[in-house]
Amino acid sequence: MVKLNWSRGNSLGLASIYLGILGFIQIIFMVIATYGMQIGSRPVIIIIPVGVIIATFYSTIILFEANTSMVQFRNTHKYKKKVKKRTSKKQILDYISVLWKNPFIQPVFYTTLVFCAFFGLSYLIFKIFIDDISILFVIAENFGGWASLIFANYIERSTGMKTR
């Protein structure tokens, strides 16, 4: 398994980019909570998303390291992909495909997707039982953060088993 030093060199810049992207995503959730859900409690709006930023940042780092080790494993075992000729009609789809397969974008996308899915799902489920919206927001944020960490841990373990 590849472990990078995230406090020095090129990895520090990448870590800063990941932290900024995940912070921006949480700012969107903070705005939705403030204006959409009418939550007026400042500690709920500020402290909980900061913890979720840290959790999603850590899961993004785990996913990036797992993806890097899988790429190195494929390169050492020389799995080669067939190169197809590109047609002019498919250039836009090829560009999207390149972005989709980019090892720097995938961890943020997967973490955000899992977080948003579990945030929305837990919000809808617990809305039946809890009337206080601020408590509901805290529970949904925590469920989304924990789900992204569990997902990243699962991907890391399955990648570790494949590369052994």
Protein backbone atom coordinates (compact mmCIF):
# COMPACT_ATOMS: atom_id res chain seq x y z
CA MET A 1 0.00 0.00 0.00
CA VAL A 2 1.31 3.44 -0.94
CA LYS A 3 1.52 5.93 1.92
CA LEU A 4 2.37 9.49 0.96
CA ASN A 5 3.81 12.20 3.18
CA TRP A 6 1.00 14.73 2.99
CA SER A 7 2.86 17.44 4.91
CA ARG A 8 5.74 17.97 2.46
CA GLY A 9 6.49 18.39 -1.22
CA ASN A 10 3.96 17.93 -3.99
CA SER A 11 1.56 16.08 -1.72
CA LEU A 12 1.08 19.21 0.42
CA GLY A 13 -0.26 21.11 -2.60
CA LEU A 14 -2.58 18.26 -3.53
CA ALA A 15 -3.78 18.02 0.07
CA SER A 16 -4.49 21.76 0.06
CA ILE A 17 -6.49 21.42 -3.15
CA TYR A 18 -8.51 18.53 -1.71
CA LEU A 19 -9.14 20.44 1.51
CA GLY A 20 -10.29 23.49 -0.46
CA ILE A 21 -12.67 21.50 -2.67
CA LEU A 22 -14.20 19.68 0.30
CA GLY A 23 -14.44 22.95 2.22
CA PHE A 24 -16.30 24.52 -0.69
CA ILE A 25 -18.73 21.59 -0.77
CA GLN A 26 -19.39 22.05 2.96
CA ILE A 27 -19.93 25.79 2.42
CA ILE A 28 -22.71 24.83 0.01
CA PHE A 29 -24.24 22.64 2.73
CA MET A 30 -23.84 25.48 5.25
CA VAL A 31 -25.71 27.88 2.96
CA ILE A 32 -28.46 25.30 2.42
CA ALA A 33 -28.71 24.79 6.19
CA THR A 34 -28.83 28.51 6.93
CA TYR A 35 -31.24 29.68 4.26
CA GLY A 36 -33.00 26.52 3.10
CA MET A 37 -33.56 24.80 6.45
CA GLN A 38 -33.68 28.02 8.50
CA ILE A 39 -31.13 26.83 11.06
CA GLY A 40 -29.99 29.82 13.09
CA SER A 41 -27.60 28.15 15.51
CA ARG A 42 -24.07 29.30 14.67
CA PRO A 43 -22.27 26.39 16.41
CA VAL A 44 -24.34 23.89 14.44
CA ILE A 45 -23.65 25.72 11.18
CA ILE A 46 -19.90 26.14 11.78
CA ILE A 47 -18.54 23.40 14.06
CA ILE A 48 -20.28 20.36 12.59
CA PRO A 49 -19.23 21.05 8.95
CA VAL A 50 -15.62 21.61 10.08
CA GLY A 51 -15.60 18.10 11.54
CA VAL A 52 -17.18 16.75 8.38
CA ILE A 53 -14.53 18.52 6.27
CA ILE A 54 -11.84 16.71 8.26
CA ALA A 55 -13.61 13.35 7.89
CA THR A 56 -14.19 13.70 4.15
CA PHE A 57 -10.64 15.00 3.67
CA TYR A 58 -9.25 11.93 5.39
CA SER A 59 -11.44 9.62 3.30
CA THR A 60 -10.30 11.41 0.13
CA ILE A 61 -6.68 10.85 1.12
CA ILE A 62 -7.38 7.16 1.79
CA LEU A 63 -9.06 6.78 -1.61
CA PHE A 64 -6.20 8.59 -3.38
CA GLU A 65 -3.58 6.34 -1.78
CA ALA A 66 -5.60 3.22 -2.62
CA ASN A 67 -6.01 4.41 -6.21
CA THR A 68 -2.28 5.15 -6.47
CA SER A 69 -1.33 1.70 -5.21
CA MET A 70 -3.76 0.08 -7.66
CA VAL A 71 -2.23 2.04 -10.56
CA GLN A 72 1.26 0.95 -9.50
CA PHE A 73 0.07 -2.65 -9.24
CA ARG A 74 -1.35 -2.51 -12.76
CA ASN A 75 1.86 -0.98 -14.10
CA THR A 76 4.05 -3.65 -12.51
CA HIS A 77 1.86 -6.43 -13.88
CA LYS A 78 1.72 -4.68 -17.25
CA TYR A 79 -1.96 -4.60 -17.89
CA LYS A 80 -2.15 -2.73 -21.15
CA LYS A 81 -5.26 -1.17 -22.53
CA LYS A 82 -6.01 -1.19 -26.21
CA VAL A 83 -5.86 2.23 -27.78
CA LYS A 84 -8.84 3.09 -29.93
CA LYS A 85 -8.85 5.63 -32.71
CA ARG A 86 -10.84 8.70 -31.81
CA THR A 87 -13.52 10.08 -34.05
CA SER A 88 -14.48 13.73 -34.10
CA LYS A 89 -18.01 12.96 -32.86
CA LYS A 90 -16.78 11.37 -29.66
CA GLN A 91 -14.22 13.99 -28.62
CA ILE A 92 -16.46 15.52 -25.95
CA LEU A 93 -17.32 12.11 -24.52
CA ASP A 94 -13.64 11.18 -24.58
CA TYR A 95 -12.79 14.38 -22.69
CA ILE A 96 -15.41 13.57 -20.04
CA SER A 97 -14.09 10.01 -19.88
CA VAL A 98 -10.55 11.29 -19.31
CA LEU A 99 -11.80 13.53 -16.49
CA TRP A 100 -13.79 10.65 -15.02
CA LYS A 101 -10.74 8.36 -15.01
CA ASN A 102 -8.39 11.02 -13.64
CA PRO A 103 -6.83 9.62 -10.45
CA PHE A 104 -6.81 13.08 -8.86
CA ILE A 105 -10.53 13.74 -9.38
CA GLN A 106 -11.91 10.28 -8.56
CA PRO A 107 -11.33 10.38 -4.77
CA VAL A 108 -13.08 13.73 -4.34
CA PHE A 109 -15.95 12.64 -6.58
CA TYR A 110 -16.49 9.35 -4.77
CA THR A 111 -16.24 10.93 -1.32
CA THR A 112 -18.67 13.68 -2.26
CA LEU A 113 -21.08 11.23 -3.86
CA VAL A 114 -21.13 8.95 -0.80
CA PHE A 115 -21.42 11.90 1.58
CA CYS A 116 -24.31 13.50 -0.32
CA ALA A 117 -26.15 10.19 -0.73
CA PHE A 118 -25.95 9.31 2.96
CA PHE A 119 -26.66 12.88 4.05
CA GLY A 120 -29.85 12.96 2.00
CA LEU A 121 -30.89 9.44 2.93
CA SER A 122 -30.36 9.92 6.66
CA TYR A 123 -32.05 13.33 6.52
CA LEU A 124 -35.15 11.83 4.92
CA ILE A 125 -35.25 8.83 7.27
CA PHE A 126 -34.73 10.77 10.50
CA LYS A 127 -37.13 13.52 9.45
CA ILE A 128 -39.91 11.07 10.33
CA PHE A 129 -38.69 10.72 13.94
CA ILE A 130 -37.13 14.11 14.78
CA ASP A 131 -38.88 17.47 14.58
CA ASP A 132 -35.93 19.74 15.43
CA ILE A 133 -34.21 20.67 12.16
CA SER A 134 -30.86 21.60 13.71
CA ILE A 135 -30.53 18.18 15.39
CA LEU A 136 -31.61 16.59 12.13
CA PHE A 137 -28.87 18.50 10.26
CA VAL A 138 -26.24 17.40 12.79
CA ILE A 139 -27.29 13.75 12.53
CA ALA A 140 -27.37 13.84 8.72
CA GLU A 141 -23.94 15.50 8.51
CA ASN A 142 -22.46 12.94 10.89
CA PHE A 143 -23.99 10.03 8.99
CA GLY A 144 -22.60 11.39 5.73
CA GLY A 145 -19.12 11.85 7.21
CA TRP A 146 -19.06 8.39 8.79
CA ALA A 147 -20.35 6.79 5.60
CA SER A 148 -17.58 8.40 3.55
CA LEU A 149 -14.97 7.13 6.02
CA ILE A 150 -16.42 3.61 6.02
CA PHE A 151 -16.57 3.61 2.20
CA ALA A 152 -12.94 4.76 1.94
CA ASN A 153 -11.84 2.12 4.44
CA TYR A 154 -13.68 -0.58 2.45
CA ILE A 155 -12.04 0.52 -0.82
CA GLU A 156 -8.62 0.60 0.85
CA ARG A 157 -9.05 -2.91 2.25
CA SER A 158 -10.31 -4.35 -1.04
CA THR A 159 -7.48 -2.67 -2.96
CA GLY A 160 -4.97 -4.00 -0.45
CA MET A 161 -6.30 -7.52 -0.94
CA LYS A 162 -6.06 -7.21 -4.73
CA THR A 163 -2.50 -5.90 -4.73
CA ARG A 164 -1.07 -8.61 -2.46
